[in-house]
């Protein structure tokens, strides 16, 4: 599977569903995405995510291991799981994504964006 910078894919279609529950902290999203390579396996996607900085893969539904906001609280990483292929679109996939909204969704995320801009010599 070839990696591309998402910022350079204006045609990239993403459908995300944000689930709002009365919890103290956390973001949870059901994310649909499509890959360029039709027939990419769920295992390939899991492997790519597992190797990515700042992402923790939690994907073992049989043992009830999947991302939950409670366990993401106070952590800078983004937790991803429940990865599955779409039933109708061969290049489409779904995943569940959870993070601490006070860190990743706000303060820490702002620092990471600034660091990226500096690294890219934009600022």
PDB file of N, CA and C in Angstrom:
ATOM      1  N   UNK A   1       0.845  -1.169   0.000  1.00  0.00           N
ATOM      2  CA  UNK A   1       0.000   0.000   0.000  1.00  0.00           C
ATOM      3  C   UNK A   1       0.895   1.238   0.000  1.00  0.00           C
ATOM      4  N   UNK A   2       0.680   2.129  -0.937  1.00  0.00           N
ATOM      5  CA  UNK A   2       1.488   3.337  -1.055  1.00  0.00           C
ATOM      6  C   UNK A   2       0.937   4.428  -0.169  1.00  0.00           C
ATOM      7  N   UNK A   3       1.825   5.122   0.540  1.00  0.00           N
ATOM      8  CA  UNK A   3       1.408   6.235   1.401  1.00  0.00           C
ATOM      9  C   UNK A   3       1.429   7.522   0.599  1.00  0.00           C
ATOM     10  N   UNK A   4       0.446   8.361   0.820  1.00  0.00           N
ATOM     11  CA  UNK A   4       0.402   9.701   0.239  1.00  0.00           C
ATOM     12  C   UNK A   4       0.040  10.659   1.348  1.00  0.00           C
ATOM     13  N   UNK A   5       0.511  11.871   1.228  1.00  0.00           N
ATOM     14  CA  UNK A   5       0.124  12.891   2.200  1.00  0.00           C
ATOM     15  C   UNK A   5      -1.314  13.287   1.924  1.00  0.00           C
ATOM     16  N   UNK A   6      -2.163  13.150   2.922  1.00  0.00           N
ATOM     17  CA  UNK A   6      -3.580  13.431   2.757  1.00  0.00           C
ATOM     18  C   UNK A   6      -3.847  14.884   2.406  1.00  0.00           C
ATOM     19  N   UNK A   7      -2.969  15.778   2.829  1.00  0.00           N
ATOM     20  CA  UNK A   7      -3.177  17.199   2.557  1.00  0.00           C
ATOM     21  C   UNK A   7      -3.089  17.508   1.066  1.00  0.00           C
ATOM     22  N   UNK A   8      -2.548  16.584   0.287  1.00  0.00           N
ATOM     23  CA  UNK A   8      -2.392  16.793  -1.146  1.00  0.00           C
ATOM     24  C   UNK A   8      -3.403  15.977  -1.943  1.00  0.00           C
ATOM     25  N   UNK A   9      -4.502  15.588  -1.336  1.00  0.00           N
ATOM     26  CA  UNK A   9      -5.538  14.807  -2.000  1.00  0.00           C
ATOM     27  C   UNK A   9      -6.885  15.512  -1.875  1.00  0.00           C
ATOM     28  N   UNK A  10      -7.075  16.591  -2.631  1.00  0.00           N
ATOM     29  CA  UNK A  10      -8.339  17.316  -2.512  1.00  0.00           C
ATOM     30  C   UNK A  10      -9.545  16.471  -2.923  1.00  0.00           C
ATOM     31  N   UNK A  11      -9.329  15.407  -3.702  1.00  0.00           N
ATOM     32  CA  UNK A  11     -10.431  14.550  -4.129  1.00  0.00           C
ATOM     33  C   UNK A  11     -10.756  13.460  -3.108  1.00  0.00           C
ATOM     34  N   UNK A  12      -9.994  13.389  -2.008  1.00  0.00           N
ATOM     35  CA  UNK A  12     -10.204  12.381  -0.979  1.00  0.00           C
ATOM     36  C   UNK A  12     -11.575  12.576  -0.340  1.00  0.00           C
ATOM     37  N   UNK A  13     -12.360  11.504  -0.340  1.00  0.00           N
ATOM     38  CA  UNK A  13     -13.688  11.554   0.268  1.00  0.00           C
ATOM     39  C   UNK A  13     -13.632  10.887   1.627  1.00  0.00           C
ATOM     40  N   UNK A  14     -14.078  11.591   2.645  1.00  0.00           N
ATOM     41  CA  UNK A  14     -14.106  11.061   4.002  1.00  0.00           C
ATOM     42  C   UNK A  14     -15.469  11.378   4.600  1.00  0.00           C
ATOM     43  N   UNK A  15     -16.087  10.377   5.181  1.00  0.00           N
ATOM     44  CA  UNK A  15     -17.353  10.580   5.887  1.00  0.00           C
ATOM     45  C   UNK A  15     -17.129  10.189   7.340  1.00  0.00           C
ATOM     46  N   UNK A  16     -17.250  11.119   8.251  1.00  0.00           N
ATOM     47  CA  UNK A  16     -17.014  10.844   9.668  1.00  0.00           C
ATOM     48  C   UNK A  16     -18.284  11.121  10.454  1.00  0.00           C
ATOM     49  N   UNK A  17     -18.555  10.287  11.427  1.00  0.00           N
ATOM     50  CA  UNK A  17     -19.688  10.469  12.311  1.00  0.00           C
ATOM     51  C   UNK A  17     -19.150  10.657  13.718  1.00  0.00           C
ATOM     52  N   UNK A  18     -19.437  11.779  14.311  1.00  0.00           N
ATOM     53  CA  UNK A  18     -18.985  12.046  15.669  1.00  0.00           C
ATOM     54  C   UNK A  18     -20.110  11.653  16.627  1.00  0.00           C
ATOM     55  N   UNK A  19     -19.781  10.834  17.597  1.00  0.00           N
ATOM     56  CA  UNK A  19     -20.761  10.369  18.566  1.00  0.00           C
ATOM     57  C   UNK A  19     -20.591  11.186  19.839  1.00  0.00           C
ATOM     58  N   UNK A  20     -21.608  11.904  20.228  1.00  0.00           N
ATOM     59  CA  UNK A  20     -21.556  12.731  21.431  1.00  0.00           C
ATOM     60  C   UNK A  20     -22.286  12.042  22.568  1.00  0.00           C
ATOM     61  N   UNK A  21     -21.552  11.762  23.611  1.00  0.00           N
ATOM     62  CA  UNK A  21     -22.126  11.142  24.797  1.00  0.00           C
ATOM     63  C   UNK A  21     -21.769  11.984  26.008  1.00  0.00           C
ATOM     64  N   UNK A  22     -22.546  11.912  27.056  1.00  0.00           N
ATOM     65  CA  UNK A  22     -22.252  12.715  28.249  1.00  0.00           C
ATOM     66  C   UNK A  22     -21.112  12.110  29.072  1.00  0.00           C
ATOM     67  N   UNK A  23     -19.891  12.255  28.548  1.00  0.00           N
ATOM     68  CA  UNK A  23     -18.715  11.788  29.272  1.00  0.00           C
ATOM     69  C   UNK A  23     -17.827  12.995  29.568  1.00  0.00           C
ATOM     70  N   UNK A  24     -16.964  12.842  30.535  1.00  0.00           N
ATOM     71  CA  UNK A  24     -16.143  13.967  30.978  1.00  0.00           C
ATOM     72  C   UNK A  24     -15.187  14.450  29.902  1.00  0.00           C
ATOM     73  N   UNK A  25     -14.534  13.531  29.221  1.00  0.00           N
ATOM     74  CA  UNK A  25     -13.572  13.915  28.195  1.00  0.00           C
ATOM     75  C   UNK A  25     -13.501  12.846  27.122  1.00  0.00           C
ATOM     76  N   UNK A  26     -13.269  13.247  25.884  1.00  0.00           N
ATOM     77  CA  UNK A  26     -13.078  12.288  24.808  1.00  0.00           C
ATOM     78  C   UNK A  26     -13.851  12.615  23.547  1.00  0.00           C
ATOM     79  N   UNK A  27     -13.250  12.268  22.421  1.00  0.00           N
ATOM     80  CA  UNK A  27     -13.881  12.334  21.105  1.00  0.00           C
ATOM     81  C   UNK A  27     -13.970  10.912  20.582  1.00  0.00           C
ATOM     82  N   UNK A  28     -15.078  10.569  19.986  1.00  0.00           N
ATOM     83  CA  UNK A  28     -15.239   9.272  19.337  1.00  0.00           C
ATOM     84  C   UNK A  28     -15.837   9.510  17.966  1.00  0.00           C
ATOM     85  N   UNK A  29     -15.257   8.863  16.963  1.00  0.00           N
ATOM     86  CA  UNK A  29     -15.760   9.044  15.604  1.00  0.00           C
ATOM     87  C   UNK A  29     -15.782   7.718  14.863  1.00  0.00           C
ATOM     88  N   UNK A  30     -16.849   7.525  14.116  1.00  0.00           N
ATOM     89  CA  UNK A  30     -16.924   6.428  13.171  1.00  0.00           C
ATOM     90  C   UNK A  30     -16.474   7.023  11.840  1.00  0.00           C
ATOM     91  N   UNK A  31     -15.377   6.514  11.294  1.00  0.00           N
ATOM     92  CA  UNK A  31     -14.788   7.104  10.095  1.00  0.00           C
ATOM     93  C   UNK A  31     -14.860   6.117   8.934  1.00  0.00           C
ATOM     94  N   UNK A  32     -15.361   6.595   7.801  1.00  0.00           N
ATOM     95  CA  UNK A  32     -15.352   5.826   6.556  1.00  0.00           C
ATOM     96  C   UNK A  32     -14.276   6.423   5.669  1.00  0.00           C
ATOM     97  N   UNK A  33     -13.458   5.568   5.061  1.00  0.00           N
ATOM     98  CA  UNK A  33     -12.435   6.060   4.135  1.00  0.00           C
ATOM     99  C   UNK A  33     -12.261   5.075   2.998  1.00  0.00           C
ATOM    100  N   UNK A  34     -11.715   5.560   1.889  1.00  0.00           N
ATOM    101  CA  UNK A  34     -11.434   4.717   0.740  1.00  0.00           C
ATOM    102  C   UNK A  34      -9.946   4.765   0.443  1.00  0.00           C
ATOM    103  N   UNK A  35      -9.410   3.625   0.026  1.00  0.00           N
ATOM    104  CA  UNK A  35      -8.002   3.537  -0.332  1.00  0.00           C
ATOM    105  C   UNK A  35      -7.885   3.471  -1.849  1.00  0.00           C
ATOM    106  N   UNK A  36      -6.733   3.885  -2.342  1.00  0.00           N
ATOM    107  CA  UNK A  36      -6.490   3.917  -3.778  1.00  0.00           C
ATOM    108  C   UNK A  36      -6.376   2.508  -4.350  1.00  0.00           C
ATOM    109  N   UNK A  37      -5.760   1.615  -3.606  1.00  0.00           N
ATOM    110  CA  UNK A  37      -5.504   0.251  -4.060  1.00  0.00           C
ATOM    111  C   UNK A  37      -6.693  -0.636  -3.727  1.00  0.00           C
ATOM    112  N   UNK A  38      -7.513  -0.951  -4.722  1.00  0.00           N
ATOM    113  CA  UNK A  38      -8.667  -1.806  -4.485  1.00  0.00           C
ATOM    114  C   UNK A  38      -8.194  -3.185  -4.029  1.00  0.00           C
ATOM    115  N   UNK A  39      -8.843  -3.709  -3.044  1.00  0.00           N
ATOM    116  CA  UNK A  39      -8.483  -5.033  -2.554  1.00  0.00           C
ATOM    117  C   UNK A  39      -7.440  -5.024  -1.450  1.00  0.00           C
ATOM    118  N   UNK A  40      -7.078  -3.845  -0.944  1.00  0.00           N
ATOM    119  CA  UNK A  40      -6.173  -3.798   0.208  1.00  0.00           C
ATOM    120  C   UNK A  40      -6.864  -4.539   1.348  1.00  0.00           C
ATOM    121  N   UNK A  41      -6.094  -5.262   2.120  1.00  0.00           N
ATOM    122  CA  UNK A  41      -6.709  -6.049   3.188  1.00  0.00           C
ATOM    123  C   UNK A  41      -6.809  -5.247   4.485  1.00  0.00           C
ATOM    124  N   UNK A  42      -7.716  -5.672   5.326  1.00  0.00           N
ATOM    125  CA  UNK A  42      -7.860  -5.071   6.648  1.00  0.00           C
ATOM    126  C   UNK A  42      -6.546  -5.227   7.416  1.00  0.00           C
ATOM    127  N   UNK A  43      -5.889  -6.367   7.254  1.00  0.00           N
ATOM    128  CA  UNK A  43      -4.617  -6.600   7.947  1.00  0.00           C
ATOM    129  C   UNK A  43      -3.535  -5.623   7.486  1.00  0.00           C
ATOM    130  N   UNK A  44      -3.519  -5.270   6.190  1.00  0.00           N
ATOM    131  CA  UNK A  44      -2.555  -4.275   5.696  1.00  0.00           C
ATOM    132  C   UNK A  44      -2.818  -2.916   6.329  1.00  0.00           C
ATOM    133  N   UNK A  45      -4.078  -2.547   6.431  1.00  0.00           N
ATOM    134  CA  UNK A  45      -4.439  -1.262   7.032  1.00  0.00           C
ATOM    135  C   UNK A  45      -4.063  -1.258   8.512  1.00  0.00           C
ATOM    136  N   UNK A  46      -4.343  -2.340   9.207  1.00  0.00           N
ATOM    137  CA  UNK A  46      -3.971  -2.444  10.619  1.00  0.00           C
ATOM    138  C   UNK A  46      -2.460  -2.319  10.790  1.00  0.00           C
ATOM    139  N   UNK A  47      -1.711  -2.977   9.925  1.00  0.00           N
ATOM    140  CA  UNK A  47      -0.250  -2.931   9.999  1.00  0.00           C
ATOM    141  C   UNK A  47       0.260  -1.507   9.802  1.00  0.00           C
ATOM    142  N   UNK A  48      -0.294  -0.814   8.829  1.00  0.00           N
ATOM    143  CA  UNK A  48       0.100   0.569   8.564  1.00  0.00           C
ATOM    144  C   UNK A  48      -0.200   1.462   9.760  1.00  0.00           C
ATOM    145  N   UNK A  49      -1.382   1.314  10.334  1.00  0.00           N
ATOM    146  CA  UNK A  49      -1.758   2.116  11.496  1.00  0.00           C
ATOM    147  C   UNK A  49      -0.899   1.784  12.707  1.00  0.00           C
ATOM    148  N   UNK A  50      -0.612   0.507  12.893  1.00  0.00           N
ATOM    149  CA  UNK A  50       0.197   0.063  14.038  1.00  0.00           C
ATOM    150  C   UNK A  50       1.588   0.673  13.997  1.00  0.00           C
ATOM    151  N   UNK A  51       2.127   0.904  12.792  1.00  0.00           N
ATOM    152  CA  UNK A  51       3.469   1.464  12.612  1.00  0.00           C
ATOM    153  C   UNK A  51       3.481   2.995  12.662  1.00  0.00           C
ATOM    154  N   UNK A  52       2.332   3.626  12.660  1.00  0.00           N
ATOM    155  CA  UNK A  52       2.238   5.085  12.581  1.00  0.00           C
ATOM    156  C   UNK A  52       2.439   5.739  13.940  1.00  0.00           C
ATOM    157  N   UNK A  53       3.193   6.836  13.933  1.00  0.00           N
ATOM    158  CA  UNK A  53       3.429   7.588  15.165  1.00  0.00           C
ATOM    159  C   UNK A  53       2.128   8.171  15.696  1.00  0.00           C
ATOM    160  N   UNK A  54       1.965   8.109  17.003  1.00  0.00           N
ATOM    161  CA  UNK A  54       0.825   8.748  17.651  1.00  0.00           C
ATOM    162  C   UNK A  54      -0.476   7.968  17.577  1.00  0.00           C
ATOM    163  N   UNK A  55      -0.418   6.753  17.016  1.00  0.00           N
ATOM    164  CA  UNK A  55      -1.628   5.938  16.901  1.00  0.00           C
ATOM    165  C   UNK A  55      -1.434   4.650  17.685  1.00  0.00           C
ATOM    166  N   UNK A  56      -2.455   4.282  18.438  1.00  0.00           N
ATOM    167  CA  UNK A  56      -2.452   2.999  19.138  1.00  0.00           C
ATOM    168  C   UNK A  56      -3.603   2.173  18.571  1.00  0.00           C
ATOM    169  N   UNK A  57      -3.243   1.034  18.002  1.00  0.00           N
ATOM    170  CA  UNK A  57      -4.234   0.138  17.430  1.00  0.00           C
ATOM    171  C   UNK A  57      -4.809  -0.750  18.532  1.00  0.00           C
ATOM    172  N   UNK A  58      -6.120  -0.709  18.675  1.00  0.00           N
ATOM    173  CA  UNK A  58      -6.837  -1.569  19.625  1.00  0.00           C
ATOM    174  C   UNK A  58      -7.964  -2.235  18.847  1.00  0.00           C
ATOM    175  N   UNK A  59      -7.684  -3.386  18.285  1.00  0.00           N
ATOM    176  CA  UNK A  59      -8.648  -3.994  17.377  1.00  0.00           C
ATOM    177  C   UNK A  59      -8.719  -5.504  17.589  1.00  0.00           C
ATOM    178  N   UNK A  60      -9.440  -5.913  18.602  1.00  0.00           N
ATOM    179  CA  UNK A  60      -9.653  -7.322  18.893  1.00  0.00           C
ATOM    180  C   UNK A  60     -11.066  -7.481  19.458  1.00  0.00           C
ATOM    181  N   UNK A  61     -12.091  -7.319  18.583  1.00  0.00           N
ATOM    182  CA  UNK A  61     -13.480  -7.371  19.058  1.00  0.00           C
ATOM    183  C   UNK A  61     -13.840  -8.681  19.753  1.00  0.00           C
ATOM    184  N   UNK A  62     -13.215  -9.797  19.354  1.00  0.00           N
ATOM    185  CA  UNK A  62     -13.511 -11.085  19.973  1.00  0.00           C
ATOM    186  C   UNK A  62     -13.253 -11.036  21.482  1.00  0.00           C
ATOM    187  N   UNK A  63     -12.179 -10.329  21.872  1.00  0.00           N
ATOM    188  CA  UNK A  63     -11.843 -10.170  23.288  1.00  0.00           C
ATOM    189  C   UNK A  63     -12.303  -8.827  23.847  1.00  0.00           C
ATOM    190  N   UNK A  64     -13.197  -8.156  23.122  1.00  0.00           N
ATOM    191  CA  UNK A  64     -13.765  -6.866  23.496  1.00  0.00           C
ATOM    192  C   UNK A  64     -12.684  -5.810  23.730  1.00  0.00           C
ATOM    193  N   UNK A  65     -11.687  -5.794  22.847  1.00  0.00           N
ATOM    194  CA  UNK A  65     -10.639  -4.775  22.897  1.00  0.00           C
ATOM    195  C   UNK A  65     -10.837  -3.854  21.697  1.00  0.00           C
ATOM    196  N   UNK A  66     -11.253  -2.646  21.986  1.00  0.00           N
ATOM    197  CA  UNK A  66     -11.455  -1.613  20.977  1.00  0.00           C
ATOM    198  C   UNK A  66     -11.391  -0.267  21.689  1.00  0.00           C
ATOM    199  N   UNK A  67     -11.182   0.814  20.940  1.00  0.00           N
ATOM    200  CA  UNK A  67     -11.017   2.133  21.564  1.00  0.00           C
ATOM    201  C   UNK A  67     -12.259   2.591  22.326  1.00  0.00           C
ATOM    202  N   UNK A  68     -12.010   3.130  23.527  1.00  0.00           N
ATOM    203  CA  UNK A  68     -13.078   3.711  24.338  1.00  0.00           C
ATOM    204  C   UNK A  68     -12.571   5.022  24.943  1.00  0.00           C
ATOM    205  N   UNK A  69     -13.400   6.058  24.966  1.00  0.00           N
ATOM    206  CA  UNK A  69     -12.973   7.369  25.475  1.00  0.00           C
ATOM    207  C   UNK A  69     -12.404   7.317  26.888  1.00  0.00           C
ATOM    208  N   UNK A  70     -12.940   6.483  27.725  1.00  0.00           N
ATOM    209  CA  UNK A  70     -12.488   6.396  29.114  1.00  0.00           C
ATOM    210  C   UNK A  70     -10.987   6.116  29.189  1.00  0.00           C
ATOM    211  N   UNK A  71     -10.504   5.207  28.322  1.00  0.00           N
ATOM    212  CA  UNK A  71      -9.096   4.815  28.360  1.00  0.00           C
ATOM    213  C   UNK A  71      -8.192   5.797  27.612  1.00  0.00           C
ATOM    214  N   UNK A  72      -8.764   6.671  26.788  1.00  0.00           N
ATOM    215  CA  UNK A  72      -7.974   7.672  26.062  1.00  0.00           C
ATOM    216  C   UNK A  72      -7.743   8.930  26.896  1.00  0.00           C
ATOM    217  N   UNK A  73      -8.525   9.104  27.950  1.00  0.00           N
ATOM    218  CA  UNK A  73      -8.419  10.313  28.778  1.00  0.00           C
ATOM    219  C   UNK A  73      -7.007  10.477  29.335  1.00  0.00           C
ATOM    220  N   UNK A  74      -6.455  11.677  29.137  1.00  0.00           N
ATOM    221  CA  UNK A  74      -5.128  11.993  29.652  1.00  0.00           C
ATOM    222  C   UNK A  74      -3.983  11.509  28.777  1.00  0.00           C
ATOM    223  N   UNK A  75      -4.300  10.962  27.611  1.00  0.00           N
ATOM    224  CA  UNK A  75      -3.256  10.441  26.722  1.00  0.00           C
ATOM    225  C   UNK A  75      -3.213  11.269  25.432  1.00  0.00           C
ATOM    226  N   UNK A  76      -2.012  11.430  24.883  1.00  0.00           N
ATOM    227  CA  UNK A  76      -1.822  12.226  23.664  1.00  0.00           C
ATOM    228  C   UNK A  76      -2.107  11.448  22.387  1.00  0.00           C
ATOM    229  N   UNK A  77      -2.091  10.118  22.460  1.00  0.00           N
ATOM    230  CA  UNK A  77      -2.249   9.300  21.261  1.00  0.00           C
ATOM    231  C   UNK A  77      -3.707   9.246  20.802  1.00  0.00           C
ATOM    232  N   UNK A  78      -3.873   8.804  19.553  1.00  0.00           N
ATOM    233  CA  UNK A  78      -5.188   8.551  18.981  1.00  0.00           C
ATOM    234  C   UNK A  78      -5.353   7.030  18.934  1.00  0.00           C
ATOM    235  N   UNK A  79      -6.481   6.541  19.425  1.00  0.00           N
ATOM    236  CA  UNK A  79      -6.748   5.109  19.493  1.00  0.00           C
ATOM    237  C   UNK A  79      -7.684   4.708  18.351  1.00  0.00           C
ATOM    238  N   UNK A  80      -7.314   3.652  17.626  1.00  0.00           N
ATOM    239  CA  UNK A  80      -8.053   3.235  16.432  1.00  0.00           C
ATOM    240  C   UNK A  80      -8.374   1.747  16.524  1.00  0.00           C
ATOM    241  N   UNK A  81      -9.577   1.384  16.090  1.00  0.00           N
ATOM    242  CA  UNK A  81      -9.954  -0.020  16.088  1.00  0.00           C
ATOM    243  C   UNK A  81     -11.229  -0.266  15.317  1.00  0.00           C
ATOM    244  N   UNK A  82     -11.727  -1.506  15.438  1.00  0.00           N
ATOM    245  CA  UNK A  82     -12.945  -1.935  14.743  1.00  0.00           C
ATOM    246  C   UNK A  82     -12.853  -1.662  13.247  1.00  0.00           C
ATOM    247  N   UNK A  83     -11.700  -1.964  12.683  1.00  0.00           N
ATOM    248  CA  UNK A  83     -11.456  -1.719  11.251  1.00  0.00           C
ATOM    249  C   UNK A  83     -12.097  -2.845  10.456  1.00  0.00           C
ATOM    250  N   UNK A  84     -12.917  -2.469   9.492  1.00  0.00           N
ATOM    251  CA  UNK A  84     -13.601  -3.469   8.681  1.00  0.00           C
ATOM    252  C   UNK A  84     -13.865  -2.921   7.288  1.00  0.00           C
ATOM    253  N   UNK A  85     -13.935  -3.824   6.329  1.00  0.00           N
ATOM    254  CA  UNK A  85     -14.192  -3.429   4.945  1.00  0.00           C
ATOM    255  C   UNK A  85     -15.672  -3.130   4.777  1.00  0.00           C
ATOM    256  N   UNK A  86     -15.962  -2.147   3.947  1.00  0.00           N
ATOM    257  CA  UNK A  86     -17.338  -1.790   3.640  1.00  0.00           C
ATOM    258  C   UNK A  86     -18.006  -2.949   2.902  1.00  0.00           C
ATOM    259  N   UNK A  87     -19.287  -3.140   3.116  1.00  0.00           N
ATOM    260  CA  UNK A  87     -19.993  -4.253   2.485  1.00  0.00           C
ATOM    261  C   UNK A  87     -20.262  -4.033   0.999  1.00  0.00           C
ATOM    262  N   UNK A  88     -20.293  -2.763   0.570  1.00  0.00           N
ATOM    263  CA  UNK A  88     -20.634  -2.469  -0.822  1.00  0.00           C
ATOM    264  C   UNK A  88     -19.465  -1.968  -1.665  1.00  0.00           C
ATOM    265  N   UNK A  89     -18.521  -1.296  -1.052  1.00  0.00           N
ATOM    266  CA  UNK A  89     -17.403  -0.666  -1.779  1.00  0.00           C
ATOM    267  C   UNK A  89     -16.107  -1.405  -1.456  1.00  0.00           C
ATOM    268  N   UNK A  90     -15.500  -2.062  -2.464  1.00  0.00           N
ATOM    269  CA  UNK A  90     -14.292  -2.864  -2.233  1.00  0.00           C
ATOM    270  C   UNK A  90     -13.121  -2.042  -1.712  1.00  0.00           C
ATOM    271  N   UNK A  91     -13.046  -0.769  -2.067  1.00  0.00           N
ATOM    272  CA  UNK A  91     -11.943   0.068  -1.595  1.00  0.00           C
ATOM    273  C   UNK A  91     -12.335   0.904  -0.369  1.00  0.00           C
ATOM    274  N   UNK A  92     -13.523   0.648   0.182  1.00  0.00           N
ATOM    275  CA  UNK A  92     -14.012   1.406   1.330  1.00  0.00           C
ATOM    276  C   UNK A  92     -13.872   0.642   2.637  1.00  0.00           C
ATOM    277  N   UNK A  93     -13.548   1.386   3.689  1.00  0.00           N
ATOM    278  CA  UNK A  93     -13.331   0.796   5.012  1.00  0.00           C
ATOM    279  C   UNK A  93     -13.942   1.690   6.080  1.00  0.00           C
ATOM    280  N   UNK A  94     -14.223   1.087   7.229  1.00  0.00           N
ATOM    281  CA  UNK A  94     -14.731   1.801   8.383  1.00  0.00           C
ATOM    282  C   UNK A  94     -13.794   1.563   9.555  1.00  0.00           C
ATOM    283  N   UNK A  95     -13.693   2.552  10.438  1.00  0.00           N
ATOM    284  CA  UNK A  95     -12.923   2.361  11.663  1.00  0.00           C
ATOM    285  C   UNK A  95     -13.481   3.274  12.753  1.00  0.00           C
ATOM    286  N   UNK A  96     -13.195   2.921  13.993  1.00  0.00           N
ATOM    287  CA  UNK A  96     -13.622   3.672  15.160  1.00  0.00           C
ATOM    288  C   UNK A  96     -12.392   4.370  15.724  1.00  0.00           C
ATOM    289  N   UNK A  97     -12.477   5.685  15.937  1.00  0.00           N
ATOM    290  CA  UNK A  97     -11.340   6.489  16.369  1.00  0.00           C
ATOM    291  C   UNK A  97     -11.714   7.249  17.643  1.00  0.00           C
ATOM    292  N   UNK A  98     -10.822   7.215  18.633  1.00  0.00           N
ATOM    293  CA  UNK A  98     -11.079   7.847  19.927  1.00  0.00           C
ATOM    294  C   UNK A  98      -9.840   8.618  20.369  1.00  0.00           C
ATOM    295  N   UNK A  99     -10.047   9.780  20.961  1.00  0.00           N
ATOM    296  CA  UNK A  99      -8.931  10.538  21.535  1.00  0.00           C
ATOM    297  C   UNK A  99      -9.431  11.417  22.676  1.00  0.00           C
ATOM    298  N   UNK A 100      -8.500  11.954  23.430  1.00  0.00           N
ATOM    299  CA  UNK A 100      -8.811  12.908  24.495  1.00  0.00           C
ATOM    300  C   UNK A 100      -9.041  14.260  23.832  1.00  0.00           C
ATOM    301  N   UNK A 101     -10.250  14.776  23.892  1.00  0.00           N
ATOM    302  CA  UNK A 101     -10.567  16.031  23.203  1.00  0.00           C
ATOM    303  C   UNK A 101      -9.860  17.241  23.803  1.00  0.00           C
ATOM    304  N   UNK A 102      -9.443  17.154  25.055  1.00  0.00           N
ATOM    305  CA  UNK A 102      -8.747  18.287  25.665  1.00  0.00           C
ATOM    306  C   UNK A 102      -7.272  18.327  25.251  1.00  0.00           C
ATOM    307  N   UNK A 103      -6.727  17.186  24.861  1.00  0.00           N
ATOM    308  CA  UNK A 103      -5.327  17.135  24.433  1.00  0.00           C
ATOM    309  C   UNK A 103      -5.234  17.088  22.918  1.00  0.00           C
ATOM    310  N   UNK A 104      -5.657  15.984  22.335  1.00  0.00           N
ATOM    311  CA  UNK A 104      -5.518  15.813  20.887  1.00  0.00           C
ATOM    312  C   UNK A 104      -6.455  16.750  20.132  1.00  0.00           C
ATOM    313  N   UNK A 105      -7.581  17.018  20.673  1.00  0.00           N
ATOM    314  CA  UNK A 105      -8.526  17.892  19.996  1.00  0.00           C
ATOM    315  C   UNK A 105      -8.276  19.361  20.241  1.00  0.00           C
ATOM    316  N   UNK A 106      -7.333  19.689  21.115  1.00  0.00           N
ATOM    317  CA  UNK A 106      -7.125  21.099  21.458  1.00  0.00           C
ATOM    318  C   UNK A 106      -5.648  21.401  21.672  1.00  0.00           C
ATOM    319  N   UNK A 107      -5.226  21.455  22.905  1.00  0.00           N
ATOM    320  CA  UNK A 107      -3.892  21.957  23.265  1.00  0.00           C
ATOM    321  C   UNK A 107      -2.749  21.183  22.615  1.00  0.00           C
ATOM    322  N   UNK A 108      -2.669  19.888  22.834  1.00  0.00           N
ATOM    323  CA  UNK A 108      -1.544  19.113  22.304  1.00  0.00           C
ATOM    324  C   UNK A 108      -1.562  19.104  20.781  1.00  0.00           C
ATOM    325  N   UNK A 109      -2.741  19.033  20.209  1.00  0.00           N
ATOM    326  CA  UNK A 109      -2.863  19.043  18.752  1.00  0.00           C
ATOM    327  C   UNK A 109      -2.331  20.356  18.171  1.00  0.00           C
ATOM    328  N   UNK A 110      -2.583  21.459  18.837  1.00  0.00           N
ATOM    329  CA  UNK A 110      -2.076  22.753  18.378  1.00  0.00           C
ATOM    330  C   UNK A 110      -0.550  22.767  18.370  1.00  0.00           C
ATOM    331  N   UNK A 111       0.046  22.193  19.392  1.00  0.00           N
ATOM    332  CA  UNK A 111       1.516  22.106  19.457  1.00  0.00           C
ATOM    333  C   UNK A 111       2.034  21.238  18.316  1.00  0.00           C
ATOM    334  N   UNK A 112       1.391  20.101  18.050  1.00  0.00           N
ATOM    335  CA  UNK A 112       1.827  19.218  16.965  1.00  0.00           C
ATOM    336  C   UNK A 112       1.706  19.905  15.605  1.00  0.00           C
ATOM    337  N   UNK A 113       0.660  20.657  15.396  1.00  0.00           N
ATOM    338  CA  UNK A 113       0.500  21.383  14.133  1.00  0.00           C
ATOM    339  C   UNK A 113       1.615  22.410  13.978  1.00  0.00           C
ATOM    340  N   UNK A 114       1.903  23.164  15.027  1.00  0.00           N
ATOM    341  CA  UNK A 114       2.975  24.155  14.977  1.00  0.00           C
ATOM    342  C   UNK A 114       4.320  23.483  14.693  1.00  0.00           C
ATOM    343  N   UNK A 115       4.591  22.354  15.343  1.00  0.00           N
ATOM    344  CA  UNK A 115       5.847  21.629  15.096  1.00  0.00           C
ATOM    345  C   UNK A 115       5.948  21.170  13.645  1.00  0.00           C
ATOM    346  N   UNK A 116       4.841  20.719  13.079  1.00  0.00           N
ATOM    347  CA  UNK A 116       4.827  20.296  11.672  1.00  0.00           C
ATOM    348  C   UNK A 116       5.088  21.466  10.742  1.00  0.00           C
ATOM    349  N   UNK A 117       4.499  22.610  11.037  1.00  0.00           N
ATOM    350  CA  UNK A 117       4.705  23.803  10.205  1.00  0.00           C
ATOM    351  C   UNK A 117       6.167  24.244  10.243  1.00  0.00           C
ATOM    352  N   UNK A 118       6.781  24.151  11.411  1.00  0.00           N
ATOM    353  CA  UNK A 118       8.200  24.502  11.543  1.00  0.00           C
ATOM    354  C   UNK A 118       9.057  23.507  10.760  1.00  0.00           C
ATOM    355  N   UNK A 119       8.754  22.222  10.888  1.00  0.00           N
ATOM    356  CA  UNK A 119       9.512  21.179  10.206  1.00  0.00           C
ATOM    357  C   UNK A 119       9.414  21.340   8.683  1.00  0.00           C
ATOM    358  N   UNK A 120       8.275  21.796   8.202  1.00  0.00           N
ATOM    359  CA  UNK A 120       8.071  22.003   6.763  1.00  0.00           C
ATOM    360  C   UNK A 120       8.557  23.379   6.295  1.00  0.00           C
ATOM    361  N   UNK A 121       9.174  24.141   7.200  1.00  0.00           N
ATOM    362  CA  UNK A 121       9.669  25.490   6.913  1.00  0.00           C
ATOM    363  C   UNK A 121       8.573  26.438   6.435  1.00  0.00           C
ATOM    364  N   UNK A 122       7.369  26.235   6.939  1.00  0.00           N
ATOM    365  CA  UNK A 122       6.256  27.120   6.600  1.00  0.00           C
ATOM    366  C   UNK A 122       6.265  28.342   7.520  1.00  0.00           C
ATOM    367  N   UNK A 123       6.686  28.126   8.756  1.00  0.00           N
ATOM    368  CA  UNK A 123       6.842  29.261   9.685  1.00  0.00           C
ATOM    369  C   UNK A 123       8.218  29.205  10.308  1.00  0.00           C
TER     370      UNK A 123
END
